[in-house]
């Protein structure tokens, strides 16, 4: 029994930008253009990772301890 290359290669889903089938050389996108559109959206701030604002008193948890002065 021979296994063809297409049997071992994982199929890609649709391009997240335009919906066309993805290309392995640009995964998960279908083209360099769609990859560049996605990068542009990240760099311009269209996509953002949500962050919770620290509540009062929470700042102390995230502050590093003061360093001992070197003598």
Foldseek 3Di string as FASTA:
>chain_A
DDDDPVNPDDFAFAAPQPRHGPDPVQPPHNDVVSVVVVVVCVVVVVDDDDDDDDDPPCVVVPDDDDDDDDD
